[in-house]
Amino acid sequence: MFGGGGGLNPRKMEQMMEQMGIDVEDIDAEEVIIRTEEYDLVFNNAEVTKMDARGQETYQVIGSPEEVEAGSVGGSDAAGSDAESSIPDDDVEIVAMRADVSEEEARTALEDNDGDLAAAVESLE
C-alpha cells in the first residue's frame, strides 16, 4: 500500500498524516495505570502518543506493564475519586432530599453504606 523496500520515511509519514487531518503528539508520561476489576496494569516510563483524527482522540501506550492488585496504586486521591464516581449523582440527590442534609453528607453516607439508599438515609436520621 505504501510501497516496498523496508518501510516509510517517518517524515513522509508525518506529512501524509497531516494531510489526512491527523495530529500526533508525544506525551511525557511518568506513569500510566489501566484499572480492571481483577488487577491494575502499571506502566512506568511508558512512551505515550496521542493521535487526534478530526476530534477523535486515540492514545497509544508502549512499554511493559507490571500487573498489581486492583486499586493498590494511584495514591489516596485516586481511590477517593473512584469511590465518588461509583455513586450516581441521582442517588446522592435522593438521599440529600430524604434526609435533609447536604449532598456531601449524602455522598459520604452512601459510600459508607455501599450505595444502599435506604441504609444511607437511615444512618443520617
PDB file of N, CA and C in Angstrom:
ATOM      1  N   MET A   1       0.818  -1.186   0.000  1.00  0.00           N
ATOM      2  CA  MET A   1       0.000   0.000   0.000  1.00  0.00           C
ATOM      3  C   MET A   1       0.864   1.253   0.000  1.00  0.00           C
ATOM      4  N   PHE A   2       1.907   1.277   0.859  1.00  0.00           N
ATOM      5  CA  PHE A   2       2.779   2.436   0.927  1.00  0.00           C
ATOM      6  C   PHE A   2       4.063   2.230   0.149  1.00  0.00           C
ATOM      7  N   GLY A   3       4.133   1.214  -0.625  1.00  0.00           N
ATOM      8  CA  GLY A   3       5.355   0.935  -1.367  1.00  0.00           C
ATOM      9  C   GLY A   3       6.166  -0.111  -0.641  1.00  0.00           C
ATOM     10  N   GLY A   4       7.198  -0.577  -1.285  1.00  0.00           N
ATOM     11  CA  GLY A   4       8.001  -1.641  -0.697  1.00  0.00           C
ATOM     12  C   GLY A   4       9.338  -1.125  -0.240  1.00  0.00           C
ATOM     13  N   GLY A   5      10.198  -2.057   0.107  1.00  0.00           N
ATOM     14  CA  GLY A   5      11.571  -1.695   0.397  1.00  0.00           C
ATOM     15  C   GLY A   5      11.850  -1.323   1.834  1.00  0.00           C
ATOM     16  N   GLY A   6      11.136  -1.860   2.808  1.00  0.00           N
ATOM     17  CA  GLY A   6      11.550  -1.687   4.189  1.00  0.00           C
ATOM     18  C   GLY A   6      10.894  -0.568   4.950  1.00  0.00           C
ATOM     19  N   GLY A   7       9.782  -0.053   4.499  1.00  0.00           N
ATOM     20  CA  GLY A   7       9.077   0.908   5.322  1.00  0.00           C
ATOM     21  C   GLY A   7       8.991   2.282   4.706  1.00  0.00           C
ATOM     22  N   LEU A   8       8.379   3.165   5.460  1.00  0.00           N
ATOM     23  CA  LEU A   8       8.104   4.510   5.003  1.00  0.00           C
ATOM     24  C   LEU A   8       8.935   5.491   5.807  1.00  0.00           C
ATOM     25  N   ASN A   9       9.460   6.480   5.134  1.00  0.00           N
ATOM     26  CA  ASN A   9      10.233   7.529   5.788  1.00  0.00           C
ATOM     27  C   ASN A   9       9.354   8.211   6.838  1.00  0.00           C
ATOM     28  N   PRO A  10       9.826   8.318   8.105  1.00  0.00           N
ATOM     29  CA  PRO A  10       8.999   8.934   9.150  1.00  0.00           C
ATOM     30  C   PRO A  10       8.531  10.341   8.800  1.00  0.00           C
ATOM     31  N   ARG A  11       9.359  11.116   8.134  1.00  0.00           N
ATOM     32  CA  ARG A  11       8.973  12.468   7.739  1.00  0.00           C
ATOM     33  C   ARG A  11       7.830  12.425   6.721  1.00  0.00           C
ATOM     34  N   LYS A  12       7.927  11.503   5.787  1.00  0.00           N
ATOM     35  CA  LYS A  12       6.880  11.335   4.775  1.00  0.00           C
ATOM     36  C   LYS A  12       5.570  10.887   5.444  1.00  0.00           C
ATOM     37  N   MET A  13       5.683   9.984   6.416  1.00  0.00           N
ATOM     38  CA  MET A  13       4.502   9.503   7.132  1.00  0.00           C
ATOM     39  C   MET A  13       3.838  10.665   7.870  1.00  0.00           C
ATOM     40  N   GLU A  14       4.644  11.517   8.505  1.00  0.00           N
ATOM     41  CA  GLU A  14       4.122  12.677   9.226  1.00  0.00           C
ATOM     42  C   GLU A  14       3.390  13.619   8.272  1.00  0.00           C
ATOM     43  N   GLN A  15       3.930  13.847   7.099  1.00  0.00           N
ATOM     44  CA  GLN A  15       3.292  14.707   6.102  1.00  0.00           C
ATOM     45  C   GLN A  15       1.954  14.118   5.650  1.00  0.00           C
ATOM     46  N   MET A  16       1.933  12.810   5.432  1.00  0.00           N
ATOM     47  CA  MET A  16       0.694  12.155   4.993  1.00  0.00           C
ATOM     48  C   MET A  16      -0.376  12.254   6.065  1.00  0.00           C
ATOM     49  N   MET A  17       0.007  12.049   7.335  1.00  0.00           N
ATOM     50  CA  MET A  17      -0.959  12.124   8.417  1.00  0.00           C
ATOM     51  C   MET A  17      -1.499  13.546   8.548  1.00  0.00           C
ATOM     52  N   GLU A  18      -0.636  14.531   8.380  1.00  0.00           N
ATOM     53  CA  GLU A  18      -1.069  15.930   8.447  1.00  0.00           C
ATOM     54  C   GLU A  18      -2.076  16.227   7.340  1.00  0.00           C
ATOM     55  N   GLN A  19      -1.830  15.709   6.132  1.00  0.00           N
ATOM     56  CA  GLN A  19      -2.752  15.911   5.017  1.00  0.00           C
ATOM     57  C   GLN A  19      -4.115  15.277   5.292  1.00  0.00           C
ATOM     58  N   MET A  20      -4.130  14.182   6.047  1.00  0.00           N
ATOM     59  CA  MET A  20      -5.389  13.498   6.367  1.00  0.00           C
ATOM     60  C   MET A  20      -6.069  14.106   7.594  1.00  0.00           C
ATOM     61  N   GLY A  21      -5.471  15.144   8.181  1.00  0.00           N
ATOM     62  CA  GLY A  21      -6.073  15.797   9.341  1.00  0.00           C
ATOM     63  C   GLY A  21      -5.803  15.094  10.653  1.00  0.00           C
ATOM     64  N   ILE A  22      -4.708  14.361  10.729  1.00  0.00           N
ATOM     65  CA  ILE A  22      -4.362  13.634  11.951  1.00  0.00           C
ATOM     66  C   ILE A  22      -3.188  14.341  12.624  1.00  0.00           C
ATOM     67  N   ASP A  23      -3.414  14.815  13.859  1.00  0.00           N
ATOM     68  CA  ASP A  23      -2.357  15.445  14.641  1.00  0.00           C
ATOM     69  C   ASP A  23      -1.790  14.407  15.597  1.00  0.00           C
ATOM     70  N   VAL A  24      -0.455  14.358  15.694  1.00  0.00           N
ATOM     71  CA  VAL A  24       0.212  13.410  16.569  1.00  0.00           C
ATOM     72  C   VAL A  24       1.033  14.197  17.581  1.00  0.00           C
ATOM     73  N   GLU A  25       0.917  13.799  18.853  1.00  0.00           N
ATOM     74  CA  GLU A  25       1.634  14.483  19.924  1.00  0.00           C
ATOM     75  C   GLU A  25       2.207  13.448  20.889  1.00  0.00           C
ATOM     76  N   ASP A  26       3.498  13.561  21.197  1.00  0.00           N
ATOM     77  CA  ASP A  26       4.107  12.708  22.212  1.00  0.00           C
ATOM     78  C   ASP A  26       3.796  13.302  23.577  1.00  0.00           C
ATOM     79  N   ILE A  27       3.444  12.450  24.526  1.00  0.00           N
ATOM     80  CA  ILE A  27       3.125  12.890  25.881  1.00  0.00           C
ATOM     81  C   ILE A  27       4.211  12.375  26.813  1.00  0.00           C
ATOM     82  N   ASP A  28       4.769  13.281  27.617  1.00  0.00           N
ATOM     83  CA  ASP A  28       5.829  12.926  28.557  1.00  0.00           C
ATOM     84  C   ASP A  28       5.195  12.354  29.829  1.00  0.00           C
ATOM     85  N   ALA A  29       4.786  11.093  29.761  1.00  0.00           N
ATOM     86  CA  ALA A  29       4.090  10.454  30.885  1.00  0.00           C
ATOM     87  C   ALA A  29       5.094   9.808  31.835  1.00  0.00           C
ATOM     88  N   GLU A  30       4.862   9.994  33.130  1.00  0.00           N
ATOM     89  CA  GLU A  30       5.691   9.351  34.142  1.00  0.00           C
ATOM     90  C   GLU A  30       5.159   7.961  34.457  1.00  0.00           C
ATOM     91  N   GLU A  31       3.816   7.823  34.434  1.00  0.00           N
ATOM     92  CA  GLU A  31       3.189   6.553  34.794  1.00  0.00           C
ATOM     93  C   GLU A  31       1.825   6.480  34.134  1.00  0.00           C
ATOM     94  N   VAL A  32       1.461   5.281  33.666  1.00  0.00           N
ATOM     95  CA  VAL A  32       0.144   5.039  33.100  1.00  0.00           C
ATOM     96  C   VAL A  32      -0.439   3.848  33.844  1.00  0.00           C
ATOM     97  N   ILE A  33      -1.681   4.008  34.337  1.00  0.00           N
ATOM     98  CA  ILE A  33      -2.344   2.936  35.069  1.00  0.00           C
ATOM     99  C   ILE A  33      -3.637   2.575  34.352  1.00  0.00           C
ATOM    100  N   ILE A  34      -3.793   1.306  34.058  1.00  0.00           N
ATOM    101  CA  ILE A  34      -5.029   0.799  33.478  1.00  0.00           C
ATOM    102  C   ILE A  34      -5.675  -0.068  34.548  1.00  0.00           C
ATOM    103  N   ARG A  35      -6.875   0.326  34.980  1.00  0.00           N
ATOM    104  CA  ARG A  35      -7.556  -0.398  36.055  1.00  0.00           C
ATOM    105  C   ARG A  35      -8.600  -1.351  35.476  1.00  0.00           C
ATOM    106  N   THR A  36      -8.596  -2.566  35.994  1.00  0.00           N
ATOM    107  CA  THR A  36      -9.640  -3.532  35.682  1.00  0.00           C
ATOM    108  C   THR A  36     -10.203  -4.008  37.019  1.00  0.00           C
ATOM    109  N   GLU A  37     -11.266  -4.792  36.991  1.00  0.00           N
ATOM    110  CA  GLU A  37     -11.831  -5.299  38.240  1.00  0.00           C
ATOM    111  C   GLU A  37     -10.866  -6.243  38.948  1.00  0.00           C
ATOM    112  N   GLU A  38     -10.103  -7.020  38.184  1.00  0.00           N
ATOM    113  CA  GLU A  38      -9.243  -8.031  38.772  1.00  0.00           C
ATOM    114  C   GLU A  38      -7.855  -7.521  39.144  1.00  0.00           C
ATOM    115  N   TYR A  39      -7.296  -6.567  38.385  1.00  0.00           N
ATOM    116  CA  TYR A  39      -5.925  -6.118  38.596  1.00  0.00           C
ATOM    117  C   TYR A  39      -5.714  -4.756  37.951  1.00  0.00           C
ATOM    118  N   ASP A  40      -4.568  -4.138  38.256  1.00  0.00           N
ATOM    119  CA  ASP A  40      -4.150  -2.887  37.621  1.00  0.00           C
ATOM    120  C   ASP A  40      -2.899  -3.185  36.803  1.00  0.00           C
ATOM    121  N   LEU A  41      -2.801  -2.563  35.636  1.00  0.00           N
ATOM    122  CA  LEU A  41      -1.578  -2.624  34.838  1.00  0.00           C
ATOM    123  C   LEU A  41      -0.871  -1.291  35.011  1.00  0.00           C
ATOM    124  N   VAL A  42       0.369  -1.324  35.496  1.00  0.00           N
ATOM    125  CA  VAL A  42       1.121  -0.104  35.752  1.00  0.00           C
ATOM    126  C   VAL A  42       2.297  -0.044  34.775  1.00  0.00           C
ATOM    127  N   PHE A  43       2.308   1.008  33.954  1.00  0.00           N
ATOM    128  CA  PHE A  43       3.392   1.244  33.017  1.00  0.00           C
ATOM    129  C   PHE A  43       4.244   2.375  33.578  1.00  0.00           C
ATOM    130  N   ASN A  44       5.488   2.102  33.929  1.00  0.00           N
ATOM    131  CA  ASN A  44       6.416   3.146  34.359  1.00  0.00           C
ATOM    132  C   ASN A  44       7.294   3.511  33.169  1.00  0.00           C
ATOM    133  N   ASN A  45       7.507   4.792  32.967  1.00  0.00           N
ATOM    134  CA  ASN A  45       8.333   5.296  31.859  1.00  0.00           C
ATOM    135  C   ASN A  45       7.844   4.793  30.506  1.00  0.00           C
ATOM    136  N   ALA A  46       6.540   4.781  30.298  1.00  0.00           N
ATOM    137  CA  ALA A  46       5.965   4.339  29.032  1.00  0.00           C
ATOM    138  C   ALA A  46       6.069   5.443  27.992  1.00  0.00           C
ATOM    139  N   GLU A  47       6.098   5.048  26.742  1.00  0.00           N
ATOM    140  CA  GLU A  47       6.016   6.002  25.644  1.00  0.00           C
ATOM    141  C   GLU A  47       4.535   6.155  25.321  1.00  0.00           C
ATOM    142  N   VAL A  48       4.029   7.390  25.404  1.00  0.00           N
ATOM    143  CA  VAL A  48       2.610   7.632  25.151  1.00  0.00           C
ATOM    144  C   VAL A  48       2.484   8.605  23.976  1.00  0.00           C
ATOM    145  N   THR A  49       1.668   8.221  23.013  1.00  0.00           N
ATOM    146  CA  THR A  49       1.419   9.055  21.851  1.00  0.00           C
ATOM    147  C   THR A  49      -0.076   9.309  21.751  1.00  0.00           C
ATOM    148  N   LYS A  50      -0.439  10.573  21.551  1.00  0.00           N
ATOM    149  CA  LYS A  50      -1.840  10.958  21.378  1.00  0.00           C
ATOM    150  C   LYS A  50      -2.055  11.296  19.917  1.00  0.00           C
ATOM    151  N   MET A  51      -3.059  10.683  19.316  1.00  0.00           N
ATOM    152  CA  MET A  51      -3.419  10.991  17.928  1.00  0.00           C
ATOM    153  C   MET A  51      -4.812  11.578  17.925  1.00  0.00           C
ATOM    154  N   ASP A  52      -4.970  12.731  17.278  1.00  0.00           N
ATOM    155  CA  ASP A  52      -6.259  13.391  17.160  1.00  0.00           C
ATOM    156  C   ASP A  52      -6.635  13.391  15.687  1.00  0.00           C
ATOM    157  N   ALA A  53      -7.610  12.563  15.348  1.00  0.00           N
ATOM    158  CA  ALA A  53      -8.070  12.467  13.964  1.00  0.00           C
ATOM    159  C   ALA A  53      -9.462  13.088  13.889  1.00  0.00           C
ATOM    160  N   ARG A  54      -9.486  14.370  13.586  1.00  0.00           N
ATOM    161  CA  ARG A  54     -10.740  15.114  13.423  1.00  0.00           C
ATOM    162  C   ARG A  54     -11.644  14.991  14.648  1.00  0.00           C
ATOM    163  N   GLY A  55     -11.062  15.236  15.834  1.00  0.00           N
ATOM    164  CA  GLY A  55     -11.837  15.239  17.056  1.00  0.00           C
ATOM    165  C   GLY A  55     -11.877  13.914  17.798  1.00  0.00           C
ATOM    166  N   GLN A  56     -11.468  12.830  17.165  1.00  0.00           N
ATOM    167  CA  GLN A  56     -11.438  11.518  17.826  1.00  0.00           C
ATOM    168  C   GLN A  56     -10.024  11.279  18.349  1.00  0.00           C
ATOM    169  N   GLU A  57      -9.875  11.305  19.690  1.00  0.00           N
ATOM    170  CA  GLU A  57      -8.556  11.131  20.289  1.00  0.00           C
ATOM    171  C   GLU A  57      -8.280   9.666  20.568  1.00  0.00           C
ATOM    172  N   THR A  58      -7.064   9.235  20.220  1.00  0.00           N
ATOM    173  CA  THR A  58      -6.604   7.875  20.475  1.00  0.00           C
ATOM    174  C   THR A  58      -5.252   7.961  21.146  1.00  0.00           C
ATOM    175  N   TYR A  59      -5.056   7.152  22.192  1.00  0.00           N
ATOM    176  CA  TYR A  59      -3.790   7.128  22.911  1.00  0.00           C
ATOM    177  C   TYR A  59      -3.130   5.778  22.704  1.00  0.00           C
ATOM    178  N   GLN A  60      -1.829   5.802  22.432  1.00  0.00           N
ATOM    179  CA  GLN A  60      -1.055   4.581  22.273  1.00  0.00           C
ATOM    180  C   GLN A  60      -0.031   4.532  23.398  1.00  0.00           C
ATOM    181  N   VAL A  61       0.005   3.423  24.135  1.00  0.00           N
ATOM    182  CA  VAL A  61       0.938   3.247  25.245  1.00  0.00           C
ATOM    183  C   VAL A  61       1.888   2.129  24.869  1.00  0.00           C
ATOM    184  N   ILE A  62       3.186   2.436  24.882  1.00  0.00           N
ATOM    185  CA  ILE A  62       4.198   1.435  24.561  1.00  0.00           C
ATOM    186  C   ILE A  62       5.076   1.244  25.787  1.00  0.00           C
ATOM    187  N   GLY A  63       5.182   0.020  26.231  1.00  0.00           N
ATOM    188  CA  GLY A  63       6.004  -0.297  27.391  1.00  0.00           C
ATOM    189  C   GLY A  63       5.611  -1.642  27.949  1.00  0.00           C
ATOM    190  N   SER A  64       6.283  -2.042  29.012  1.00  0.00           N
ATOM    191  CA  SER A  64       5.997  -3.315  29.661  1.00  0.00           C
ATOM    192  C   SER A  64       5.336  -3.039  31.009  1.00  0.00           C
ATOM    193  N   PRO A  65       4.074  -3.450  31.155  1.00  0.00           N
ATOM    194  CA  PRO A  65       3.374  -3.167  32.406  1.00  0.00           C
ATOM    195  C   PRO A  65       3.714  -4.177  33.495  1.00  0.00           C
ATOM    196  N   GLU A  66       3.508  -3.733  34.717  1.00  0.00           N
ATOM    197  CA  GLU A  66       3.576  -4.615  35.874  1.00  0.00           C
ATOM    198  C   GLU A  66       2.136  -4.846  36.310  1.00  0.00           C
ATOM    199  N   GLU A  67       1.749  -6.095  36.506  1.00  0.00           N
ATOM    200  CA  GLU A  67       0.397  -6.408  36.948  1.00  0.00           C
ATOM    201  C   GLU A  67       0.390  -6.418  38.474  1.00  0.00           C
ATOM    202  N   VAL A  68      -0.474  -5.575  39.079  1.00  0.00           N
ATOM    203  CA  VAL A  68      -0.556  -5.481  40.530  1.00  0.00           C
ATOM    204  C   VAL A  68      -2.008  -5.650  40.977  1.00  0.00           C
ATOM    205  N   GLU A  69      -2.196  -5.796  42.280  1.00  0.00           N
ATOM    206  CA  GLU A  69      -3.525  -5.964  42.852  1.00  0.00           C
ATOM    207  C   GLU A  69      -4.408  -4.752  42.512  1.00  0.00           C
ATOM    208  N   ALA A  70      -5.657  -4.999  42.204  1.00  0.00           N
ATOM    209  CA  ALA A  70      -6.598  -3.936  41.837  1.00  0.00           C
ATOM    210  C   ALA A  70      -6.664  -2.877  42.922  1.00  0.00           C
ATOM    211  N   GLY A  71      -6.531  -1.601  42.542  1.00  0.00           N
ATOM    212  CA  GLY A  71      -6.657  -0.487  43.465  1.00  0.00           C
ATOM    213  C   GLY A  71      -5.467  -0.263  44.372  1.00  0.00           C
ATOM    214  N   SER A  72      -4.370  -0.980  44.159  1.00  0.00           N
ATOM    215  CA  SER A  72      -3.233  -0.849  45.065  1.00  0.00           C
ATOM    216  C   SER A  72      -2.280   0.271  44.679  1.00  0.00           C
ATOM    217  N   VAL A  73      -2.491   0.897  43.537  1.00  0.00           N
ATOM    218  CA  VAL A  73      -1.636   2.010  43.104  1.00  0.00           C
ATOM    219  C   VAL A  73      -2.474   3.248  42.850  1.00  0.00           C
ATOM    220  N   GLY A  74      -1.815   4.385  42.794  1.00  0.00           N
ATOM    221  CA  GLY A  74      -2.520   5.614  42.458  1.00  0.00           C
ATOM    222  C   GLY A  74      -2.730   6.539  43.621  1.00  0.00           C
ATOM    223  N   GLY A  75      -2.376   6.146  44.819  1.00  0.00           N
ATOM    224  CA  GLY A  75      -2.481   7.029  45.978  1.00  0.00           C
ATOM    225  C   GLY A  75      -3.900   7.178  46.477  1.00  0.00           C
ATOM    226  N   SER A  76      -4.042   7.889  47.598  1.00  0.00           N
ATOM    227  CA  SER A  76      -5.354   8.039  48.235  1.00  0.00           C
ATOM    228  C   SER A  76      -6.271   8.948  47.443  1.00  0.00           C
ATOM    229  N   ASP A  77      -5.712   9.934  46.727  1.00  0.00           N
ATOM    230  CA  ASP A  77      -6.568  10.825  45.932  1.00  0.00           C
ATOM    231  C   ASP A  77      -7.306  10.053  44.852  1.00  0.00           C
ATOM    232  N   ALA A  78      -6.589   9.152  44.176  1.00  0.00           N
ATOM    233  CA  ALA A  78      -7.221   8.377  43.113  1.00  0.00           C
ATOM    234  C   ALA A  78      -8.299   7.471  43.683  1.00  0.00           C
ATOM    235  N   ALA A  79      -8.024   6.845  44.820  1.00  0.00           N
ATOM    236  CA  ALA A  79      -9.021   5.964  45.423  1.00  0.00           C
ATOM    237  C   ALA A  79     -10.263   6.747  45.802  1.00  0.00           C
ATOM    238  N   GLY A  80     -10.105   7.937  46.323  1.00  0.00           N
ATOM    239  CA  GLY A  80     -11.240   8.767  46.695  1.00  0.00           C
ATOM    240  C   GLY A  80     -12.073   9.152  45.502  1.00  0.00           C
ATOM    241  N   SER A  81     -11.427   9.509  44.393  1.00  0.00           N
ATOM    242  CA  SER A  81     -12.195   9.921  43.231  1.00  0.00           C
ATOM    243  C   SER A  81     -12.925   8.737  42.613  1.00  0.00           C
ATOM    244  N   ASP A  82     -12.326   7.530  42.705  1.00  0.00           N
ATOM    245  CA  ASP A  82     -13.001   6.354  42.190  1.00  0.00           C
ATOM    246  C   ASP A  82     -14.260   6.074  42.992  1.00  0.00           C
ATOM    247  N   ALA A  83     -14.188   6.205  44.308  1.00  0.00           N
ATOM    248  CA  ALA A  83     -15.345   5.945  45.162  1.00  0.00           C
ATOM    249  C   ALA A  83     -16.448   6.944  44.864  1.00  0.00           C
ATOM    250  N   GLU A  84     -16.099   8.213  44.685  1.00  0.00           N
ATOM    251  CA  GLU A  84     -17.101   9.224  44.395  1.00  0.00           C
ATOM    252  C   GLU A  84     -17.790   8.942  43.070  1.00  0.00           C
ATOM    253  N   SER A  85     -17.022   8.562  42.060  1.00  0.00           N
ATOM    254  CA  SER A  85     -17.599   8.374  40.745  1.00  0.00           C
ATOM    255  C   SER A  85     -18.493   7.141  40.692  1.00  0.00           C
ATOM    256  N   SER A  86     -18.340   6.195  41.636  1.00  0.00           N
ATOM    257  CA  SER A  86     -19.162   4.992  41.610  1.00  0.00           C
ATOM    258  C   SER A  86     -20.560   5.238  42.180  1.00  0.00           C
ATOM    259  N   ILE A  87     -20.768   6.353  42.882  1.00  0.00           N
ATOM    260  CA  ILE A  87     -22.084   6.689  43.433  1.00  0.00           C
ATOM    261  C   ILE A  87     -22.783   7.645  42.461  1.00  0.00           C
ATOM    262  N   PRO A  88     -23.891   7.229  41.865  1.00  0.00           N
ATOM    263  CA  PRO A  88     -24.592   8.104  40.910  1.00  0.00           C
ATOM    264  C   PRO A  88     -25.083   9.393  41.579  1.00  0.00           C
ATOM    265  N   ASP A  89     -24.958  10.499  40.872  1.00  0.00           N
ATOM    266  CA  ASP A  89     -25.403  11.798  41.389  1.00  0.00           C
ATOM    267  C   ASP A  89     -26.888  11.796  41.742  1.00  0.00           C
ATOM    268  N   ASP A  90     -27.686  11.051  40.978  1.00  0.00           N
ATOM    269  CA  ASP A  90     -29.123  10.970  41.271  1.00  0.00           C
ATOM    270  C   ASP A  90     -29.366  10.370  42.652  1.00  0.00           C
ATOM    271  N   ASP A  91     -28.587   9.334  43.007  1.00  0.00           N
ATOM    272  CA  ASP A  91     -28.729   8.712  44.325  1.00  0.00           C
ATOM    273  C   ASP A  91     -28.357   9.698  45.427  1.00  0.00           C
ATOM    274  N   VAL A  92     -27.306  10.482  45.189  1.00  0.00           N
ATOM    275  CA  VAL A  92     -26.863  11.479  46.174  1.00  0.00           C
ATOM    276  C   VAL A  92     -27.982  12.491  46.410  1.00  0.00           C
ATOM    277  N   GLU A  93     -28.609  12.966  45.329  1.00  0.00           N
ATOM    278  CA  GLU A  93     -29.687  13.944  45.447  1.00  0.00           C
ATOM    279  C   GLU A  93     -30.884  13.375  46.217  1.00  0.00           C
ATOM    280  N   ILE A  94     -31.228  12.116  45.940  1.00  0.00           N
ATOM    281  CA  ILE A  94     -32.368  11.482  46.619  1.00  0.00           C
ATOM    282  C   ILE A  94     -32.103  11.400  48.116  1.00  0.00           C
ATOM    283  N   VAL A  95     -30.903  10.918  48.493  1.00  0.00           N
ATOM    284  CA  VAL A  95     -30.571  10.783  49.916  1.00  0.00           C
ATOM    285  C   VAL A  95     -30.526  12.154  50.578  1.00  0.00           C
ATOM    286  N   ALA A  96     -29.950  13.152  49.897  1.00  0.00           N
ATOM    287  CA  ALA A  96     -29.857  14.506  50.451  1.00  0.00           C
ATOM    288  C   ALA A  96     -31.252  15.067  50.721  1.00  0.00           C
ATOM    289  N   MET A  97     -32.191  14.863  49.781  1.00  0.00           N
ATOM    290  CA  MET A  97     -33.559  15.359  49.965  1.00  0.00           C
ATOM    291  C   MET A  97     -34.274  14.613  51.089  1.00  0.00           C
ATOM    292  N   ARG A  98     -34.191  13.286  51.083  1.00  0.00           N
ATOM    293  CA  ARG A  98     -34.910  12.471  52.074  1.00  0.00           C
ATOM    294  C   ARG A  98     -34.423  12.737  53.499  1.00  0.00           C
ATOM    295  N   ALA A  99     -33.095  12.889  53.651  1.00  0.00           N
ATOM    296  CA  ALA A  99     -32.533  13.055  54.997  1.00  0.00           C
ATOM    297  C   ALA A  99     -32.344  14.524  55.356  1.00  0.00           C
ATOM    298  N   ASP A 100     -32.640  15.419  54.402  1.00  0.00           N
ATOM    299  CA  ASP A 100     -32.491  16.860  54.605  1.00  0.00           C
ATOM    300  C   ASP A 100     -31.064  17.221  55.050  1.00  0.00           C
ATOM    301  N   VAL A 101     -30.075  16.742  54.232  1.00  0.00           N
ATOM    302  CA  VAL A 101     -28.662  17.019  54.502  1.00  0.00           C
ATOM    303  C   VAL A 101     -28.008  17.513  53.211  1.00  0.00           C
ATOM    304  N   SER A 102     -26.756  17.945  53.317  1.00  0.00           N
ATOM    305  CA  SER A 102     -26.030  18.409  52.132  1.00  0.00           C
ATOM    306  C   SER A 102     -25.688  17.214  51.239  1.00  0.00           C
ATOM    307  N   GLU A 103     -25.384  17.510  49.983  1.00  0.00           N
ATOM    308  CA  GLU A 103     -25.021  16.440  49.052  1.00  0.00           C
ATOM    309  C   GLU A 103     -23.714  15.764  49.484  1.00  0.00           C
ATOM    310  N   GLU A 104     -22.817  16.526  50.079  1.00  0.00           N
ATOM    311  CA  GLU A 104     -21.555  15.950  50.556  1.00  0.00           C
ATOM    312  C   GLU A 104     -21.819  14.914  51.655  1.00  0.00           C
ATOM    313  N   GLU A 105     -22.707  15.260  52.600  1.00  0.00           N
ATOM    314  CA  GLU A 105     -23.065  14.320  53.672  1.00  0.00           C
ATOM    315  C   GLU A 105     -23.767  13.089  53.094  1.00  0.00           C
ATOM    316  N   ALA A 106     -24.635  13.322  52.118  1.00  0.00           N
ATOM    317  CA  ALA A 106     -25.362  12.222  51.489  1.00  0.00           C
ATOM    318  C   ALA A 106     -24.395  11.279  50.774  1.00  0.00           C
ATOM    319  N   ARG A 107     -23.418  11.840  50.046  1.00  0.00           N
ATOM    320  CA  ARG A 107     -22.440  11.020  49.325  1.00  0.00           C
ATOM    321  C   ARG A 107     -21.625  10.178  50.314  1.00  0.00           C
ATOM    322  N   THR A 108     -21.206  10.795  51.408  1.00  0.00           N
ATOM    323  CA  THR A 108     -20.438  10.070  52.423  1.00  0.00           C
ATOM    324  C   THR A 108     -21.260   8.919  53.003  1.00  0.00           C
ATOM    325  N   ALA A 109     -22.527   9.184  53.297  1.00  0.00           N
ATOM    326  CA  ALA A 109     -23.405   8.136  53.838  1.00  0.00           C
ATOM    327  C   ALA A 109     -23.581   6.999  52.836  1.00  0.00           C
ATOM    328  N   LEU A 110     -23.738   7.347  51.554  1.00  0.00           N
ATOM    329  CA  LEU A 110     -23.874   6.311  50.518  1.00  0.00           C
ATOM    330  C   LEU A 110     -22.596   5.478  50.411  1.00  0.00           C
ATOM    331  N   GLU A 111     -21.434   6.141  50.459  1.00  0.00           N
ATOM    332  CA  GLU A 111     -20.163   5.417  50.389  1.00  0.00           C
ATOM    333  C   GLU A 111     -20.020   4.490  51.586  1.00  0.00           C
ATOM    334  N   ASP A 112     -20.386   4.966  52.776  1.00  0.00           N
ATOM    335  CA  ASP A 112     -20.290   4.158  53.992  1.00  0.00           C
ATOM    336  C   ASP A 112     -21.242   2.964  53.972  1.00  0.00           C
ATOM    337  N   ASN A 113     -22.322   3.070  53.191  1.00  0.00           N
ATOM    338  CA  ASN A 113     -23.324   2.005  53.130  1.00  0.00           C
ATOM    339  C   ASN A 113     -23.325   1.301  51.767  1.00  0.00           C
ATOM    340  N   ASP A 114     -22.191   1.324  51.082  1.00  0.00           N
ATOM    341  CA  ASP A 114     -22.019   0.626  49.799  1.00  0.00           C
ATOM    342  C   ASP A 114     -23.108   0.950  48.785  1.00  0.00           C
ATOM    343  N   GLY A 115     -23.550   2.220  48.753  1.00  0.00           N
ATOM    344  CA  GLY A 115     -24.513   2.664  47.762  1.00  0.00           C
ATOM    345  C   GLY A 115     -25.961   2.336  48.082  1.00  0.00           C
ATOM    346  N   ASP A 116     -26.228   1.758  49.240  1.00  0.00           N
ATOM    347  CA  ASP A 116     -27.593   1.397  49.641  1.00  0.00           C
ATOM    348  C   ASP A 116     -28.335   2.660  50.076  1.00  0.00           C
ATOM    349  N   LEU A 117     -29.322   3.101  49.270  1.00  0.00           N
ATOM    350  CA  LEU A 117     -30.048   4.340  49.544  1.00  0.00           C
ATOM    351  C   LEU A 117     -30.774   4.299  50.886  1.00  0.00           C
ATOM    352  N   ALA A 118     -31.512   3.242  51.138  1.00  0.00           N
ATOM    353  CA  ALA A 118     -32.292   3.148  52.370  1.00  0.00           C
ATOM    354  C   ALA A 118     -31.381   3.180  53.601  1.00  0.00           C
ATOM    355  N   ALA A 119     -30.302   2.429  53.559  1.00  0.00           N
ATOM    356  CA  ALA A 119     -29.374   2.395  54.696  1.00  0.00           C
ATOM    357  C   ALA A 119     -28.705   3.754  54.891  1.00  0.00           C
ATOM    358  N   ALA A 120     -28.396   4.438  53.785  1.00  0.00           N
ATOM    359  CA  ALA A 120     -27.772   5.764  53.882  1.00  0.00           C
ATOM    360  C   ALA A 120     -28.718   6.764  54.536  1.00  0.00           C
ATOM    361  N   VAL A 121     -29.982   6.752  54.109  1.00  0.00           N
ATOM    362  CA  VAL A 121     -30.983   7.658  54.688  1.00  0.00           C
ATOM    363  C   VAL A 121     -31.147   7.341  56.170  1.00  0.00           C
ATOM    364  N   GLU A 122     -31.255   6.061  56.497  1.00  0.00           N
ATOM    365  CA  GLU A 122     -31.435   5.638  57.889  1.00  0.00           C
ATOM    366  C   GLU A 122     -30.259   6.075  58.758  1.00  0.00           C
ATOM    367  N   SER A 123     -29.041   5.996  58.237  1.00  0.00           N
ATOM    368  CA  SER A 123     -27.874   6.370  59.013  1.00  0.00           C
ATOM    369  C   SER A 123     -27.811   7.878  59.273  1.00  0.00           C
ATOM    370  N   LEU A 124     -28.506   8.650  58.438  1.00  0.00           N
ATOM    371  CA  LEU A 124     -28.487  10.115  58.583  1.00  0.00           C
ATOM    372  C   LEU A 124     -29.632  10.629  59.461  1.00  0.00           C
ATOM    373  N   GLU A 125     -30.613   9.788  59.742  1.00  0.00           N
ATOM    374  CA  GLU A 125     -31.783  10.233  60.532  1.00  0.00           C
ATOM    375  C   GLU A 125     -31.533  10.109  62.019  1.00  0.00           C
TER     376      GLU A 125
END
